[in-house]
Amino acid sequence: ESFSPAEFNYPAETAKEPAQMRWQTLDGIDNIPSDTVATYNLSGEELVAYRDSKGTVVVLDAFCPHHGAHLGHDARVEADCIRCPFHHFYFNAEGKCRANNPEKKSGFIKHISTKPRQTRTLGNTVEVLV
């Protein structure tokens, strides 16, 4: 299975004004894994989610900005980062690319960063601003 087909086109970004954005239910907090990645589609937007070592829910855009691999297919969570299944780049909770070293503290690859999503927890329910 290919994660980045030759004819892949990055999904069109639909910039929304803040007034157009809404909180939507993502999932129950217990359904969001800490060791793997869950995939969601909210309002036509592909998202991935996981919980870091502190239990904080992390939600990012689902497509790797490097070559478009879907981060929800065979991605791993390591050192509180999501590892892209295609070229093994790591993305932290802020969406910054740590290249192939999840422990890297500086020197992020700025042009290969993904978009983190704002979340909130209401009781046992996680919501995302989309």
N, C-alpha and C. Protein backbone atom coordinates (compact mmCIF):
# COMPACT_ATOMS: atom_id res chain seq x y z
N GLU A 1 0.84 -1.18 0.00
CA GLU A 1 0.00 0.00 0.00
C GLU A 1 0.88 1.24 0.00
N SER A 2 0.58 2.18 -0.86
CA SER A 2 1.34 3.41 -0.94
C SER A 2 0.70 4.49 -0.08
N PHE A 3 1.51 5.24 0.63
CA PHE A 3 0.99 6.32 1.46
C PHE A 3 1.02 7.65 0.71
N SER A 4 1.72 7.72 -0.39
CA SER A 4 1.83 8.96 -1.13
C SER A 4 1.81 8.66 -2.63
N PRO A 5 0.63 8.48 -3.20
CA PRO A 5 0.56 8.15 -4.62
C PRO A 5 1.09 9.28 -5.49
N ALA A 6 1.60 8.91 -6.66
CA ALA A 6 2.20 9.89 -7.57
C ALA A 6 1.24 11.01 -7.91
N GLU A 7 -0.03 10.71 -8.01
CA GLU A 7 -1.00 11.73 -8.39
C GLU A 7 -1.61 12.45 -7.18
N PHE A 8 -0.98 12.30 -6.01
CA PHE A 8 -1.50 12.91 -4.79
C PHE A 8 -1.54 14.44 -4.91
N ASN A 9 -2.65 15.00 -4.54
CA ASN A 9 -2.80 16.44 -4.44
C ASN A 9 -3.13 16.77 -3.00
N TYR A 10 -2.39 17.72 -2.44
CA TYR A 10 -2.68 18.11 -1.07
C TYR A 10 -4.10 18.62 -0.98
N PRO A 11 -4.80 18.29 0.09
CA PRO A 11 -6.17 18.80 0.24
C PRO A 11 -6.15 20.33 0.24
N ALA A 12 -7.13 20.89 -0.41
CA ALA A 12 -7.22 22.35 -0.46
C ALA A 12 -7.47 22.88 0.95
N GLU A 13 -6.70 23.89 1.32
CA GLU A 13 -6.92 24.49 2.62
C GLU A 13 -8.07 25.46 2.51
N THR A 14 -9.00 25.29 3.39
CA THR A 14 -10.14 26.19 3.41
C THR A 14 -10.01 27.04 4.67
N ALA A 15 -9.38 28.18 4.50
CA ALA A 15 -9.18 29.07 5.63
C ALA A 15 -10.54 29.58 6.10
N LYS A 16 -10.76 29.42 7.38
CA LYS A 16 -12.02 29.88 7.95
C LYS A 16 -11.76 31.10 8.82
N GLU A 17 -12.68 32.00 8.78
CA GLU A 17 -12.63 33.13 9.70
C GLU A 17 -12.97 32.59 11.09
N PRO A 18 -12.43 33.20 12.14
CA PRO A 18 -12.76 32.72 13.48
C PRO A 18 -14.26 32.61 13.75
N ALA A 19 -15.05 33.50 13.19
CA ALA A 19 -16.50 33.46 13.41
C ALA A 19 -17.14 32.23 12.76
N GLN A 20 -16.47 31.62 11.77
CA GLN A 20 -16.99 30.44 11.09
C GLN A 20 -16.64 29.14 11.81
N MET A 21 -15.68 29.20 12.72
CA MET A 21 -15.22 27.99 13.38
C MET A 21 -16.16 27.63 14.53
N ARG A 22 -16.31 26.32 14.73
CA ARG A 22 -17.23 25.80 15.76
C ARG A 22 -16.54 24.67 16.52
N TRP A 23 -16.89 24.53 17.79
CA TRP A 23 -16.45 23.39 18.57
C TRP A 23 -17.30 22.19 18.16
N GLN A 24 -16.63 21.09 17.84
CA GLN A 24 -17.33 19.87 17.48
C GLN A 24 -16.78 18.71 18.30
N THR A 25 -17.65 17.79 18.64
CA THR A 25 -17.23 16.62 19.40
C THR A 25 -16.30 15.76 18.57
N LEU A 26 -15.15 15.44 19.15
CA LEU A 26 -14.20 14.54 18.49
C LEU A 26 -14.47 13.10 18.92
N ASP A 27 -14.44 12.87 20.24
CA ASP A 27 -14.61 11.51 20.75
C ASP A 27 -14.61 11.57 22.27
N GLY A 28 -14.89 10.42 22.87
CA GLY A 28 -14.72 10.29 24.31
C GLY A 28 -13.24 10.18 24.62
N ILE A 29 -12.81 10.78 25.70
CA ILE A 29 -11.37 10.79 26.01
C ILE A 29 -10.81 9.38 26.13
N ASP A 30 -11.59 8.44 26.63
CA ASP A 30 -11.10 7.06 26.78
C ASP A 30 -10.93 6.35 25.45
N ASN A 31 -11.51 6.88 24.39
CA ASN A 31 -11.39 6.28 23.05
C ASN A 31 -10.17 6.77 22.29
N ILE A 32 -9.52 7.81 22.79
CA ILE A 32 -8.35 8.36 22.12
C ILE A 32 -7.11 7.66 22.70
N PRO A 33 -6.36 6.95 21.86
CA PRO A 33 -5.26 6.13 22.36
C PRO A 33 -4.03 6.94 22.76
N SER A 34 -3.18 6.31 23.56
CA SER A 34 -1.93 6.95 23.96
C SER A 34 -0.73 6.37 23.22
N ASP A 35 -0.88 5.20 22.64
CA ASP A 35 0.26 4.56 21.98
C ASP A 35 0.11 4.45 20.47
N THR A 36 -1.06 4.74 19.97
CA THR A 36 -1.30 4.73 18.52
C THR A 36 -2.07 5.99 18.15
N VAL A 37 -2.43 6.08 16.90
CA VAL A 37 -3.08 7.28 16.38
C VAL A 37 -4.49 6.93 15.94
N ALA A 38 -5.45 7.76 16.30
CA ALA A 38 -6.83 7.60 15.85
C ALA A 38 -7.11 8.62 14.75
N THR A 39 -7.93 8.23 13.79
CA THR A 39 -8.26 9.09 12.65
C THR A 39 -9.70 9.56 12.76
N TYR A 40 -9.92 10.83 12.42
CA TYR A 40 -11.25 11.42 12.48
C TYR A 40 -11.47 12.30 11.26
N ASN A 41 -12.75 12.47 10.92
CA ASN A 41 -13.14 13.41 9.88
C ASN A 41 -14.23 14.29 10.48
N LEU A 42 -13.93 15.57 10.65
CA LEU A 42 -14.89 16.52 11.19
C LEU A 42 -15.08 17.64 10.18
N SER A 43 -16.29 17.87 9.80
CA SER A 43 -16.61 18.94 8.84
C SER A 43 -15.77 18.83 7.58
N GLY A 44 -15.51 17.59 7.15
CA GLY A 44 -14.74 17.38 5.93
C GLY A 44 -13.24 17.53 6.10
N GLU A 45 -12.78 17.70 7.33
CA GLU A 45 -11.35 17.84 7.59
C GLU A 45 -10.82 16.56 8.22
N GLU A 46 -9.73 16.03 7.65
CA GLU A 46 -9.09 14.84 8.18
C GLU A 46 -8.17 15.23 9.32
N LEU A 47 -8.36 14.58 10.47
CA LEU A 47 -7.57 14.87 11.66
C LEU A 47 -7.05 13.58 12.26
N VAL A 48 -5.96 13.67 13.01
CA VAL A 48 -5.45 12.55 13.78
C VAL A 48 -5.33 13.00 15.24
N ALA A 49 -5.49 12.03 16.15
CA ALA A 49 -5.42 12.35 17.57
C ALA A 49 -4.73 11.24 18.33
N TYR A 50 -4.08 11.62 19.41
CA TYR A 50 -3.48 10.68 20.35
C TYR A 50 -3.34 11.39 21.69
N ARG A 51 -3.02 10.63 22.72
CA ARG A 51 -2.74 11.23 24.03
C ARG A 51 -1.26 11.09 24.32
N ASP A 52 -0.66 12.18 24.81
CA ASP A 52 0.76 12.13 25.14
C ASP A 52 0.96 11.44 26.49
N SER A 53 2.20 11.39 26.95
CA SER A 53 2.52 10.66 28.19
C SER A 53 1.87 11.26 29.43
N LYS A 54 1.43 12.52 29.36
CA LYS A 54 0.73 13.15 30.47
C LYS A 54 -0.78 12.99 30.36
N GLY A 55 -1.24 12.37 29.26
CA GLY A 55 -2.67 12.18 29.04
C GLY A 55 -3.33 13.30 28.28
N THR A 56 -2.56 14.31 27.87
CA THR A 56 -3.09 15.43 27.11
C THR A 56 -3.43 14.98 25.69
N VAL A 57 -4.61 15.35 25.22
CA VAL A 57 -5.03 15.01 23.87
C VAL A 57 -4.35 15.95 22.88
N VAL A 58 -3.76 15.35 21.85
CA VAL A 58 -3.10 16.10 20.77
C VAL A 58 -3.87 15.81 19.49
N VAL A 59 -4.27 16.87 18.79
CA VAL A 59 -4.97 16.73 17.51
C VAL A 59 -4.21 17.55 16.47
N LEU A 60 -3.91 16.90 15.35
CA LEU A 60 -3.18 17.53 14.24
C LEU A 60 -3.91 17.27 12.93
N ASP A 61 -3.60 18.09 11.92
CA ASP A 61 -4.08 17.78 10.58
C ASP A 61 -3.52 16.42 10.20
N ALA A 62 -4.26 15.66 9.42
CA ALA A 62 -3.91 14.26 9.17
C ALA A 62 -2.86 14.04 8.10
N PHE A 63 -2.56 15.02 7.27
CA PHE A 63 -1.63 14.78 6.18
C PHE A 63 -0.26 15.37 6.47
N CYS A 64 0.76 14.54 6.30
CA CYS A 64 2.13 14.99 6.49
C CYS A 64 2.43 16.06 5.43
N PRO A 65 2.96 17.20 5.85
CA PRO A 65 3.24 18.26 4.88
C PRO A 65 4.46 17.97 4.00
N HIS A 66 5.17 16.89 4.25
CA HIS A 66 6.34 16.56 3.45
C HIS A 66 5.94 15.96 2.10
N HIS A 67 5.23 14.83 2.12
CA HIS A 67 4.79 14.19 0.88
C HIS A 67 3.35 13.71 0.94
N GLY A 68 2.60 14.22 1.88
CA GLY A 68 1.17 13.94 1.91
C GLY A 68 0.75 12.62 2.52
N ALA A 69 1.64 11.91 3.17
CA ALA A 69 1.25 10.65 3.80
C ALA A 69 0.17 10.92 4.84
N HIS A 70 -0.78 10.02 4.94
CA HIS A 70 -1.84 10.17 5.95
C HIS A 70 -1.27 9.67 7.27
N LEU A 71 -1.22 10.55 8.26
CA LEU A 71 -0.62 10.22 9.55
C LEU A 71 -1.46 9.24 10.36
N GLY A 72 -2.65 8.93 9.90
CA GLY A 72 -3.49 7.97 10.60
C GLY A 72 -3.30 6.54 10.16
N HIS A 73 -2.48 6.31 9.15
CA HIS A 73 -2.25 4.96 8.63
C HIS A 73 -0.87 4.47 9.03
N ASP A 74 -0.82 3.58 10.00
CA ASP A 74 0.43 2.97 10.47
C ASP A 74 1.40 3.96 11.12
N ALA A 75 0.92 5.14 11.52
CA ALA A 75 1.78 6.06 12.25
C ALA A 75 1.94 5.55 13.68
N ARG A 76 2.99 5.98 14.33
CA ARG A 76 3.26 5.57 15.70
C ARG A 76 3.40 6.80 16.59
N VAL A 77 3.19 6.61 17.88
CA VAL A 77 3.44 7.64 18.86
C VAL A 77 4.70 7.24 19.61
N GLU A 78 5.72 8.09 19.53
CA GLU A 78 6.98 7.84 20.21
C GLU A 78 7.47 9.15 20.81
N ALA A 79 7.87 9.13 22.06
CA ALA A 79 8.41 10.31 22.75
C ALA A 79 7.45 11.49 22.62
N ASP A 80 6.16 11.22 22.78
CA ASP A 80 5.11 12.24 22.70
C ASP A 80 5.00 12.90 21.33
N CYS A 81 5.51 12.24 20.32
CA CYS A 81 5.42 12.74 18.94
C CYS A 81 4.72 11.68 18.08
N ILE A 82 4.14 12.14 16.99
CA ILE A 82 3.58 11.21 16.01
C ILE A 82 4.65 11.01 14.92
N ARG A 83 4.88 9.75 14.57
CA ARG A 83 5.89 9.44 13.56
C ARG A 83 5.20 9.12 12.25
N CYS A 84 5.54 9.86 11.22
CA CYS A 84 4.96 9.64 9.90
C CYS A 84 5.38 8.26 9.38
N PRO A 85 4.43 7.50 8.83
CA PRO A 85 4.76 6.16 8.36
C PRO A 85 5.58 6.13 7.07
N PHE A 86 5.69 7.25 6.38
CA PHE A 86 6.34 7.25 5.08
C PHE A 86 7.85 7.51 5.17
N HIS A 87 8.25 8.66 5.71
CA HIS A 87 9.67 8.98 5.83
C HIS A 87 10.14 9.05 7.29
N HIS A 88 9.26 8.68 8.21
CA HIS A 88 9.60 8.59 9.63
C HIS A 88 9.98 9.93 10.26
N PHE A 89 9.41 11.03 9.75
CA PHE A 89 9.57 12.31 10.41
C PHE A 89 8.68 12.32 11.64
N TYR A 90 9.12 13.01 12.68
CA TYR A 90 8.37 13.13 13.92
C TYR A 90 7.77 14.52 14.03
N PHE A 91 6.52 14.58 14.50
CA PHE A 91 5.82 15.84 14.71
C PHE A 91 5.39 15.91 16.17
N ASN A 92 5.75 17.02 16.84
CA ASN A 92 5.38 17.15 18.24
C ASN A 92 3.96 17.71 18.36
N ALA A 93 3.52 17.95 19.58
CA ALA A 93 2.15 18.41 19.82
C ALA A 93 1.87 19.77 19.21
N GLU A 94 2.89 20.56 18.97
CA GLU A 94 2.73 21.86 18.32
C GLU A 94 2.78 21.75 16.80
N GLY A 95 2.93 20.52 16.29
CA GLY A 95 2.98 20.30 14.85
C GLY A 95 4.35 20.53 14.24
N LYS A 96 5.35 20.83 15.07
CA LYS A 96 6.70 21.10 14.56
C LYS A 96 7.39 19.79 14.20
N CYS A 97 8.07 19.80 13.06
CA CYS A 97 8.78 18.61 12.60
C CYS A 97 10.14 18.53 13.27
N ARG A 98 10.41 17.40 13.90
CA ARG A 98 11.69 17.15 14.56
C ARG A 98 12.58 16.26 13.70
N ALA A 99 12.38 16.30 12.41
CA ALA A 99 13.12 15.44 11.47
C ALA A 99 12.95 13.99 11.90
N ASN A 100 14.02 13.22 11.93
CA ASN A 100 13.89 11.81 12.30
C ASN A 100 14.35 11.55 13.73
N ASN A 101 14.30 12.58 14.59
CA ASN A 101 14.73 12.45 15.97
C ASN A 101 13.66 13.02 16.90
N PRO A 102 12.88 12.18 17.57
CA PRO A 102 11.81 12.70 18.42
C PRO A 102 12.32 13.44 19.65
N GLU A 103 13.58 13.25 20.01
CA GLU A 103 14.14 13.92 21.19
C GLU A 103 14.74 15.29 20.86
N LYS A 104 14.74 15.65 19.59
CA LYS A 104 15.35 16.91 19.15
C LYS A 104 14.64 18.09 19.81
N LYS A 105 15.39 18.96 20.44
CA LYS A 105 14.81 20.09 21.17
C LYS A 105 14.85 21.40 20.38
N SER A 106 15.68 21.48 19.35
CA SER A 106 15.77 22.70 18.55
C SER A 106 16.05 22.33 17.11
N GLY A 107 16.09 23.32 16.25
CA GLY A 107 16.39 23.06 14.85
C GLY A 107 15.27 22.37 14.10
N PHE A 108 14.04 22.76 14.38
CA PHE A 108 12.89 22.17 13.70
C PHE A 108 12.95 22.48 12.21
N ILE A 109 12.32 21.63 11.41
CA ILE A 109 12.21 21.88 9.98
C ILE A 109 10.93 22.69 9.78
N LYS A 110 11.07 24.00 9.69
CA LYS A 110 9.91 24.90 9.69
C LYS A 110 8.96 24.67 8.53
N HIS A 111 9.48 24.41 7.34
CA HIS A 111 8.60 24.25 6.18
C HIS A 111 7.93 22.87 6.14
N ILE A 112 8.25 22.01 7.09
CA ILE A 112 7.58 20.71 7.17
C ILE A 112 6.91 20.60 8.55
N SER A 113 6.08 21.54 8.85
CA SER A 113 5.31 21.49 10.09
C SER A 113 3.85 21.32 9.73
N THR A 114 3.11 20.68 10.62
CA THR A 114 1.69 20.48 10.40
C THR A 114 0.90 21.33 11.39
N LYS A 115 -0.37 21.42 11.17
CA LYS A 115 -1.20 22.33 11.95
C LYS A 115 -1.81 21.63 13.17
N PRO A 116 -1.48 22.12 14.37
CA PRO A 116 -2.14 21.58 15.55
C PRO A 116 -3.55 22.15 15.65
N ARG A 117 -4.43 21.43 16.29
CA ARG A 117 -5.81 21.89 16.45
C ARG A 117 -6.11 22.16 17.92
N GLN A 118 -6.86 23.20 18.15
CA GLN A 118 -7.25 23.56 19.50
C GLN A 118 -8.31 22.58 20.00
N THR A 119 -8.10 22.08 21.23
CA THR A 119 -9.03 21.13 21.81
C THR A 119 -9.47 21.62 23.19
N ARG A 120 -10.57 21.05 23.64
CA ARG A 120 -11.01 21.25 25.02
C ARG A 120 -11.72 19.98 25.45
N THR A 121 -11.71 19.74 26.76
CA THR A 121 -12.36 18.56 27.31
C THR A 121 -13.51 19.00 28.19
N LEU A 122 -14.68 18.47 27.90
CA LEU A 122 -15.88 18.73 28.69
C LEU A 122 -16.32 17.41 29.27
N GLY A 123 -16.09 17.23 30.57
CA GLY A 123 -16.37 15.94 31.18
C GLY A 123 -15.45 14.90 30.58
N ASN A 124 -16.02 13.88 29.94
CA ASN A 124 -15.22 12.83 29.28
C ASN A 124 -15.21 13.00 27.76
N THR A 125 -15.68 14.14 27.27
CA THR A 125 -15.77 14.38 25.83
C THR A 125 -14.72 15.38 25.38
N VAL A 126 -14.03 15.05 24.29
CA VAL A 126 -13.03 15.94 23.70
C VAL A 126 -13.68 16.64 22.52
N GLU A 127 -13.51 17.97 22.48
CA GLU A 127 -14.01 18.76 21.35
C GLU A 127 -12.84 19.43 20.65
N VAL A 128 -13.02 19.68 19.34
CA VAL A 128 -12.00 20.31 18.51
C VAL A 128 -12.63 21.52 17.83
N LEU A 129 -11.87 22.58 17.71
CA LEU A 129 -12.34 23.78 17.02
C LEU A 129 -12.04 23.62 15.53
N VAL A 130 -13.10 23.45 14.74
CA VAL A 130 -12.94 23.31 13.27
C VAL A 130 -13.87 24.27 12.55
